[in-house]
N, C-alpha and C. Protein backbone atom coordinates (compact mmCIF):
# COMPACT_ATOMS: atom_id res chain seq x y z
N MET A 1 103.71 118.65 107.79
CA MET A 1 105.03 118.21 108.18
C MET A 1 105.02 118.02 109.70
N ALA A 2 105.58 116.92 110.16
CA ALA A 2 105.64 116.59 111.57
C ALA A 2 106.58 117.53 112.31
N LYS A 3 106.41 117.61 113.61
CA LYS A 3 107.16 118.55 114.44
C LYS A 3 108.68 118.37 114.30
N ASN A 4 109.19 117.17 114.46
CA ASN A 4 110.64 116.95 114.38
C ASN A 4 111.20 117.28 113.01
N GLU A 5 110.44 117.01 111.97
CA GLU A 5 110.88 117.35 110.62
C GLU A 5 110.90 118.86 110.42
N ALA A 6 109.89 119.54 110.97
CA ALA A 6 109.84 121.01 110.86
C ALA A 6 111.00 121.64 111.61
N VAL A 7 111.33 121.10 112.78
CA VAL A 7 112.46 121.61 113.56
C VAL A 7 113.74 121.44 112.77
N LEU A 8 113.95 120.25 112.20
CA LEU A 8 115.14 120.01 111.40
C LEU A 8 115.24 120.98 110.23
N GLU A 9 114.13 121.19 109.53
CA GLU A 9 114.15 122.10 108.38
C GLU A 9 114.48 123.52 108.83
N GLN A 10 113.93 123.95 109.94
CA GLN A 10 114.20 125.30 110.45
C GLN A 10 115.69 125.48 110.80
N ILE A 11 116.29 124.47 111.39
CA ILE A 11 117.71 124.52 111.73
C ILE A 11 118.58 124.43 110.48
N ALA A 12 118.22 123.53 109.58
CA ALA A 12 119.08 123.23 108.42
C ALA A 12 119.01 124.26 107.31
N THR A 13 117.91 124.94 107.11
CA THR A 13 117.74 125.83 105.96
C THR A 13 118.83 126.90 105.89
N PRO A 14 119.06 127.69 106.94
CA PRO A 14 120.10 128.71 106.80
C PRO A 14 121.51 128.14 106.64
N ILE A 15 121.76 127.00 107.26
CA ILE A 15 123.07 126.35 107.13
C ILE A 15 123.26 125.88 105.68
N CYS A 16 122.25 125.27 105.13
CA CYS A 16 122.33 124.79 103.75
C CYS A 16 122.54 125.95 102.79
N GLU A 17 121.80 127.03 102.98
CA GLU A 17 121.96 128.20 102.10
C GLU A 17 123.39 128.73 102.16
N GLU A 18 123.95 128.76 103.35
CA GLU A 18 125.32 129.24 103.52
C GLU A 18 126.32 128.32 102.81
N LEU A 19 126.01 127.04 102.76
CA LEU A 19 126.91 126.05 102.14
C LEU A 19 126.59 125.78 100.67
N GLY A 20 125.65 126.54 100.09
CA GLY A 20 125.40 126.44 98.65
C GLY A 20 124.49 125.30 98.22
N VAL A 21 123.71 124.76 99.14
CA VAL A 21 122.74 123.72 98.82
C VAL A 21 121.39 124.15 99.36
N PHE A 22 120.35 123.35 99.10
CA PHE A 22 119.05 123.65 99.68
C PHE A 22 118.42 122.40 100.26
N VAL A 23 117.50 122.60 101.18
CA VAL A 23 116.78 121.48 101.79
C VAL A 23 115.75 120.97 100.78
N TYR A 24 115.86 119.70 100.42
CA TYR A 24 114.89 119.08 99.53
C TYR A 24 113.73 118.50 100.35
N ASP A 25 114.08 117.82 101.44
CA ASP A 25 113.05 117.21 102.28
C ASP A 25 113.66 116.79 103.61
N CYS A 26 112.82 116.52 104.59
CA CYS A 26 113.23 116.04 105.90
C CYS A 26 112.34 114.86 106.26
N GLU A 27 112.90 113.96 107.05
CA GLU A 27 112.14 112.75 107.41
C GLU A 27 112.56 112.32 108.82
N TYR A 28 111.58 111.94 109.62
CA TYR A 28 111.85 111.39 110.94
C TYR A 28 110.97 110.15 111.06
N LYS A 29 111.61 109.01 111.17
CA LYS A 29 110.84 107.77 111.22
C LYS A 29 111.56 106.70 112.01
N LYS A 30 110.78 105.75 112.46
CA LYS A 30 111.32 104.62 113.21
C LYS A 30 111.47 103.45 112.26
N GLU A 31 112.66 102.86 112.25
CA GLU A 31 112.95 101.70 111.42
C GLU A 31 113.72 100.69 112.25
N GLY A 32 113.19 99.49 112.38
CA GLY A 32 113.91 98.44 113.09
C GLY A 32 114.29 98.79 114.51
N GLY A 33 113.43 99.50 115.21
CA GLY A 33 113.69 99.85 116.60
C GLY A 33 114.51 101.10 116.80
N GLU A 34 114.99 101.71 115.74
CA GLU A 34 115.79 102.95 115.84
C GLU A 34 115.04 104.10 115.17
N PHE A 35 115.20 105.30 115.71
CA PHE A 35 114.66 106.49 115.08
C PHE A 35 115.73 107.08 114.16
N TYR A 36 115.30 107.52 112.98
CA TYR A 36 116.20 108.14 112.00
C TYR A 36 115.68 109.54 111.68
N LEU A 37 116.58 110.49 111.75
CA LEU A 37 116.31 111.87 111.35
C LEU A 37 117.12 112.09 110.10
N ARG A 38 116.42 112.28 108.96
CA ARG A 38 117.10 112.37 107.68
C ARG A 38 116.86 113.75 107.05
N LEU A 39 117.93 114.27 106.50
CA LEU A 39 117.90 115.52 105.78
C LEU A 39 118.34 115.23 104.36
N TYR A 40 117.48 115.56 103.41
CA TYR A 40 117.82 115.40 101.99
C TYR A 40 118.14 116.78 101.43
N ILE A 41 119.31 116.90 100.82
CA ILE A 41 119.76 118.17 100.28
C ILE A 41 119.99 118.05 98.78
N ASP A 42 119.96 119.19 98.10
CA ASP A 42 120.19 119.18 96.66
C ASP A 42 120.76 120.52 96.25
N LYS A 43 121.24 120.60 95.01
CA LYS A 43 121.67 121.84 94.36
C LYS A 43 121.69 121.57 92.88
N ASP A 44 121.71 122.64 92.10
CA ASP A 44 121.80 122.48 90.66
C ASP A 44 123.05 121.66 90.34
N GLY A 45 122.90 120.66 89.53
CA GLY A 45 124.02 119.79 89.17
C GLY A 45 124.21 118.63 90.13
N GLY A 46 123.44 118.60 91.22
CA GLY A 46 123.51 117.50 92.18
C GLY A 46 124.52 117.75 93.30
N VAL A 47 124.31 117.09 94.40
CA VAL A 47 125.19 117.24 95.55
C VAL A 47 126.29 116.19 95.52
N THR A 48 127.37 116.50 96.20
CA THR A 48 128.49 115.58 96.31
C THR A 48 128.54 115.02 97.72
N ILE A 49 129.35 114.02 97.91
CA ILE A 49 129.55 113.48 99.25
C ILE A 49 130.13 114.54 100.18
N GLU A 50 130.96 115.42 99.62
CA GLU A 50 131.53 116.51 100.41
C GLU A 50 130.45 117.49 100.87
N ASP A 51 129.49 117.77 100.00
CA ASP A 51 128.35 118.62 100.40
C ASP A 51 127.61 117.99 101.58
N CYS A 52 127.34 116.69 101.45
CA CYS A 52 126.63 115.99 102.52
C CYS A 52 127.42 116.03 103.83
N GLU A 53 128.70 115.83 103.73
CA GLU A 53 129.57 115.81 104.91
C GLU A 53 129.58 117.19 105.58
N LYS A 54 129.74 118.25 104.82
CA LYS A 54 129.76 119.63 105.39
C LYS A 54 128.43 119.95 106.06
N VAL A 55 127.34 119.63 105.40
CA VAL A 55 126.03 119.92 105.97
C VAL A 55 125.80 119.08 107.21
N SER A 56 126.18 117.82 107.15
CA SER A 56 126.00 116.92 108.28
C SER A 56 126.72 117.47 109.52
N ARG A 57 127.95 117.86 109.36
CA ARG A 57 128.72 118.37 110.50
C ARG A 57 128.10 119.64 111.07
N ALA A 58 127.75 120.58 110.20
CA ALA A 58 127.21 121.86 110.65
C ALA A 58 125.83 121.72 111.31
N VAL A 59 124.96 120.94 110.68
CA VAL A 59 123.61 120.75 111.24
C VAL A 59 123.67 119.93 112.51
N ASN A 60 124.49 118.88 112.51
CA ASN A 60 124.61 118.04 113.71
C ASN A 60 125.10 118.87 114.91
N GLU A 61 126.03 119.79 114.66
CA GLU A 61 126.52 120.65 115.73
C GLU A 61 125.37 121.47 116.34
N GLN A 62 124.52 122.00 115.49
CA GLN A 62 123.37 122.79 115.97
C GLN A 62 122.35 121.90 116.69
N LEU A 63 122.13 120.70 116.15
CA LEU A 63 121.22 119.76 116.83
C LEU A 63 121.74 119.42 118.22
N ASP A 64 123.05 119.24 118.36
CA ASP A 64 123.64 118.93 119.66
C ASP A 64 123.47 120.10 120.63
N ILE A 65 123.66 121.32 120.13
CA ILE A 65 123.54 122.51 120.99
C ILE A 65 122.09 122.72 121.42
N LEU A 66 121.19 122.68 120.46
CA LEU A 66 119.77 122.98 120.72
C LEU A 66 119.01 121.81 121.36
N ASP A 67 119.44 120.60 121.05
CA ASP A 67 118.83 119.37 121.57
C ASP A 67 117.29 119.39 121.47
N PRO A 68 116.73 119.63 120.27
CA PRO A 68 115.28 119.78 120.14
C PRO A 68 114.50 118.46 120.14
N ILE A 69 115.19 117.35 119.97
CA ILE A 69 114.52 116.05 119.89
C ILE A 69 114.98 115.21 121.05
N LYS A 70 114.05 114.81 121.90
CA LYS A 70 114.41 114.13 123.15
C LYS A 70 114.78 112.67 122.96
N GLU A 71 114.18 111.97 122.00
CA GLU A 71 114.52 110.57 121.77
C GLU A 71 115.90 110.48 121.15
N ALA A 72 116.55 109.34 121.36
CA ALA A 72 117.81 109.07 120.66
C ALA A 72 117.48 108.79 119.19
N TYR A 73 118.33 109.27 118.30
CA TYR A 73 118.09 109.06 116.87
C TYR A 73 119.43 109.02 116.14
N ILE A 74 119.37 108.52 114.93
CA ILE A 74 120.51 108.50 114.03
C ILE A 74 120.26 109.59 112.99
N PHE A 75 121.22 110.50 112.84
CA PHE A 75 121.09 111.61 111.91
C PHE A 75 121.83 111.28 110.62
N GLU A 76 121.14 111.47 109.49
CA GLU A 76 121.72 111.20 108.17
C GLU A 76 121.46 112.38 107.24
N VAL A 77 122.43 112.66 106.38
CA VAL A 77 122.27 113.67 105.34
C VAL A 77 122.60 112.99 104.01
N SER A 78 121.74 113.16 103.01
CA SER A 78 122.01 112.56 101.71
C SER A 78 121.30 113.34 100.60
N SER A 79 121.60 112.95 99.40
CA SER A 79 120.90 113.43 98.21
C SER A 79 119.54 112.74 98.16
N PRO A 80 118.54 113.37 97.55
CA PRO A 80 117.27 112.69 97.39
C PRO A 80 117.31 111.57 96.35
N GLY A 81 118.38 111.47 95.58
CA GLY A 81 118.55 110.39 94.61
C GLY A 81 117.83 110.67 93.29
N ILE A 82 118.13 109.87 92.30
CA ILE A 82 117.50 110.08 90.99
C ILE A 82 116.05 109.64 90.98
N ASP A 83 115.68 108.75 91.91
CA ASP A 83 114.29 108.31 92.02
C ASP A 83 113.60 109.02 93.19
N ARG A 84 113.92 110.29 93.34
CA ARG A 84 113.47 111.06 94.49
C ARG A 84 111.96 111.05 94.69
N LYS A 85 111.58 111.05 95.96
CA LYS A 85 110.17 111.14 96.31
C LYS A 85 109.68 112.55 96.03
N LEU A 86 108.47 112.63 95.57
CA LEU A 86 107.80 113.92 95.37
C LEU A 86 106.78 114.05 96.51
N THR A 87 107.01 114.98 97.41
CA THR A 87 106.13 115.14 98.56
C THR A 87 105.58 116.55 98.70
N ARG A 88 106.34 117.52 98.30
CA ARG A 88 105.95 118.91 98.50
C ARG A 88 105.41 119.49 97.19
N ASP A 89 104.59 120.52 97.31
CA ASP A 89 104.01 121.13 96.11
C ASP A 89 105.08 121.47 95.07
N TRP A 90 106.18 122.09 95.52
CA TRP A 90 107.21 122.51 94.55
C TRP A 90 107.90 121.31 93.91
N HIS A 91 107.93 120.15 94.60
CA HIS A 91 108.50 118.94 93.97
C HIS A 91 107.67 118.57 92.74
N PHE A 92 106.34 118.56 92.93
CA PHE A 92 105.44 118.18 91.83
C PHE A 92 105.52 119.20 90.69
N GLU A 93 105.52 120.49 91.04
CA GLU A 93 105.57 121.52 90.02
C GLU A 93 106.86 121.41 89.19
N LYS A 94 107.97 121.12 89.85
CA LYS A 94 109.26 120.99 89.15
C LYS A 94 109.30 119.71 88.29
N ALA A 95 108.49 118.73 88.64
CA ALA A 95 108.51 117.44 87.93
C ALA A 95 107.56 117.38 86.74
N ILE A 96 106.79 118.43 86.51
CA ILE A 96 105.88 118.42 85.37
C ILE A 96 106.70 118.21 84.09
N GLY A 97 106.23 117.26 83.27
CA GLY A 97 106.93 116.91 82.05
C GLY A 97 107.87 115.72 82.21
N LYS A 98 108.02 115.24 83.46
CA LYS A 98 108.91 114.11 83.72
C LYS A 98 108.10 112.86 84.00
N GLU A 99 108.74 111.72 83.79
CA GLU A 99 108.09 110.43 84.06
C GLU A 99 108.12 110.15 85.56
N VAL A 100 106.98 109.70 86.08
CA VAL A 100 106.85 109.40 87.51
C VAL A 100 106.26 108.01 87.71
N ASP A 101 106.60 107.42 88.87
CA ASP A 101 106.01 106.16 89.31
C ASP A 101 105.11 106.49 90.50
N LEU A 102 103.86 106.03 90.42
CA LEU A 102 102.91 106.23 91.51
C LEU A 102 102.58 104.90 92.14
N LYS A 103 102.49 104.87 93.46
CA LYS A 103 101.93 103.74 94.18
C LYS A 103 100.66 104.24 94.84
N LEU A 104 99.62 103.46 94.67
CA LEU A 104 98.30 103.87 95.15
C LEU A 104 97.85 103.03 96.33
N PHE A 105 97.02 103.61 97.18
CA PHE A 105 96.46 102.88 98.31
C PHE A 105 95.46 101.83 97.83
N ALA A 106 94.71 102.18 96.79
CA ALA A 106 93.69 101.26 96.23
C ALA A 106 93.91 101.18 94.72
N PRO A 107 93.54 100.07 94.11
CA PRO A 107 93.75 99.92 92.66
C PRO A 107 93.02 100.97 91.84
N PHE A 108 93.66 101.40 90.75
CA PHE A 108 93.06 102.26 89.75
C PHE A 108 93.04 101.43 88.47
N GLU A 109 91.86 101.12 88.00
CA GLU A 109 91.70 100.27 86.81
C GLU A 109 92.50 98.98 86.96
N GLY A 110 92.44 98.39 88.16
CA GLY A 110 93.05 97.09 88.41
C GLY A 110 94.50 97.08 88.84
N SER A 111 95.14 98.27 88.96
CA SER A 111 96.56 98.30 89.34
C SER A 111 96.80 99.30 90.44
N LYS A 112 97.70 98.92 91.36
CA LYS A 112 98.07 99.83 92.45
C LYS A 112 99.37 100.58 92.13
N THR A 113 99.92 100.37 90.93
CA THR A 113 101.09 101.11 90.49
C THR A 113 100.84 101.66 89.09
N LEU A 114 101.28 102.88 88.87
CA LEU A 114 101.14 103.53 87.58
C LEU A 114 102.45 104.21 87.22
N THR A 115 102.77 104.25 85.96
CA THR A 115 103.91 105.00 85.47
C THR A 115 103.46 105.82 84.29
N GLY A 116 103.81 107.09 84.31
CA GLY A 116 103.44 107.97 83.21
C GLY A 116 104.11 109.31 83.36
N THR A 117 103.82 110.21 82.45
CA THR A 117 104.39 111.55 82.48
C THR A 117 103.47 112.48 83.26
N LEU A 118 104.04 113.16 84.24
CA LEU A 118 103.28 114.14 85.01
C LEU A 118 103.03 115.35 84.11
N THR A 119 101.76 115.58 83.79
CA THR A 119 101.43 116.69 82.88
C THR A 119 100.82 117.89 83.60
N GLY A 120 100.41 117.67 84.85
CA GLY A 120 99.82 118.79 85.60
C GLY A 120 99.69 118.45 87.07
N TYR A 121 99.63 119.51 87.87
CA TYR A 121 99.49 119.35 89.31
C TYR A 121 98.78 120.59 89.85
N ASP A 122 97.74 120.38 90.66
CA ASP A 122 97.04 121.54 91.23
C ASP A 122 96.80 121.41 92.72
N HIS A 123 97.73 120.83 93.44
CA HIS A 123 97.70 120.69 94.90
C HIS A 123 96.81 119.56 95.41
N ALA A 124 95.89 119.11 94.62
CA ALA A 124 95.02 118.00 95.03
C ALA A 124 94.96 116.90 93.98
N LEU A 125 95.19 117.26 92.73
CA LEU A 125 95.09 116.30 91.63
C LEU A 125 96.38 116.25 90.82
N LEU A 126 96.77 115.04 90.49
CA LEU A 126 97.91 114.83 89.58
C LEU A 126 97.34 114.43 88.23
N SER A 127 97.82 115.04 87.18
CA SER A 127 97.45 114.64 85.82
C SER A 127 98.63 113.84 85.26
N ILE A 128 98.36 112.61 84.88
CA ILE A 128 99.40 111.68 84.42
C ILE A 128 99.04 111.20 83.03
N LYS A 129 99.97 111.36 82.08
CA LYS A 129 99.77 110.86 80.75
C LYS A 129 100.32 109.44 80.69
N ILE A 130 99.43 108.49 80.45
CA ILE A 130 99.79 107.09 80.33
C ILE A 130 99.42 106.67 78.91
N GLY A 131 100.43 106.39 78.12
CA GLY A 131 100.16 106.10 76.71
C GLY A 131 99.63 107.36 76.04
N GLU A 132 98.44 107.24 75.43
CA GLU A 132 97.85 108.39 74.75
C GLU A 132 96.76 109.09 75.57
N ARG A 133 96.54 108.62 76.79
CA ARG A 133 95.47 109.23 77.56
C ARG A 133 95.99 109.84 78.85
N VAL A 134 95.31 110.87 79.32
CA VAL A 134 95.66 111.55 80.57
C VAL A 134 94.63 111.15 81.63
N VAL A 135 95.15 110.68 82.76
CA VAL A 135 94.28 110.33 83.88
C VAL A 135 94.56 111.30 85.02
N ARG A 136 93.54 111.51 85.85
CA ARG A 136 93.69 112.40 87.00
C ARG A 136 93.55 111.55 88.25
N ILE A 137 94.55 111.66 89.11
CA ILE A 137 94.60 110.90 90.35
C ILE A 137 94.67 111.88 91.51
N GLU A 138 93.83 111.68 92.51
CA GLU A 138 93.90 112.53 93.70
C GLU A 138 95.20 112.24 94.45
N LYS A 139 95.89 113.30 94.83
CA LYS A 139 97.16 113.14 95.53
C LYS A 139 96.98 112.31 96.80
N GLY A 140 95.88 112.49 97.50
CA GLY A 140 95.60 111.76 98.74
C GLY A 140 95.42 110.27 98.54
N LYS A 141 95.24 109.82 97.31
CA LYS A 141 95.09 108.40 97.03
C LYS A 141 96.41 107.72 96.68
N THR A 142 97.50 108.52 96.72
CA THR A 142 98.82 107.94 96.42
C THR A 142 99.57 107.66 97.73
N SER A 143 100.20 106.49 97.79
CA SER A 143 101.05 106.22 98.96
C SER A 143 102.45 106.73 98.72
N SER A 144 102.88 106.82 97.46
CA SER A 144 104.14 107.46 97.12
C SER A 144 104.18 107.84 95.65
N VAL A 145 104.89 108.91 95.38
CA VAL A 145 105.14 109.35 94.00
C VAL A 145 106.63 109.64 93.93
N ARG A 146 107.29 109.04 92.94
CA ARG A 146 108.74 109.22 92.74
C ARG A 146 109.02 109.51 91.28
N LEU A 147 110.15 110.15 91.04
CA LEU A 147 110.61 110.27 89.66
C LEU A 147 110.95 108.85 89.19
N ALA A 148 110.56 108.54 87.98
CA ALA A 148 110.85 107.23 87.42
C ALA A 148 112.30 107.17 86.94
N ILE A 149 112.87 106.02 87.06
CA ILE A 149 114.23 105.80 86.55
C ILE A 149 114.09 105.18 85.16
N THR A 150 114.62 105.87 84.17
CA THR A 150 114.54 105.32 82.81
C THR A 150 115.97 105.15 82.29
N PHE A 151 116.21 104.03 81.64
CA PHE A 151 117.52 103.74 81.09
C PHE A 151 117.48 103.75 79.60
């Protein structure tokens, strides 16, 4: 985790716990010439806009007081969404048995995208059931892994 993301998580975690939510992920990135500091929060049953607003106000107040990031940035708080990114070990562990979409850096059997059920995770390898077969993909070979949206 990058420094600015780690700082945000350190500041946000106790505030989120106090407000009945938890930190799902943090992100600091440059988009279109602007820096964005994003905090993704969640709770059982999902977060509401009110949860996001309360967390945003409380965390933003602490960010203003501590001023840990010297560049100008836009701060956002949101839900990770139904197609949430899986980035942390506990994200993958919680997603076992669910359908996931993988994007790969290089093709696997001719495709850079795969969809299947996550059947296992051991910190370096993802086991994905595609049809009737299980394939193992190194986590480092994925550019992104998200929960699949099924209708």
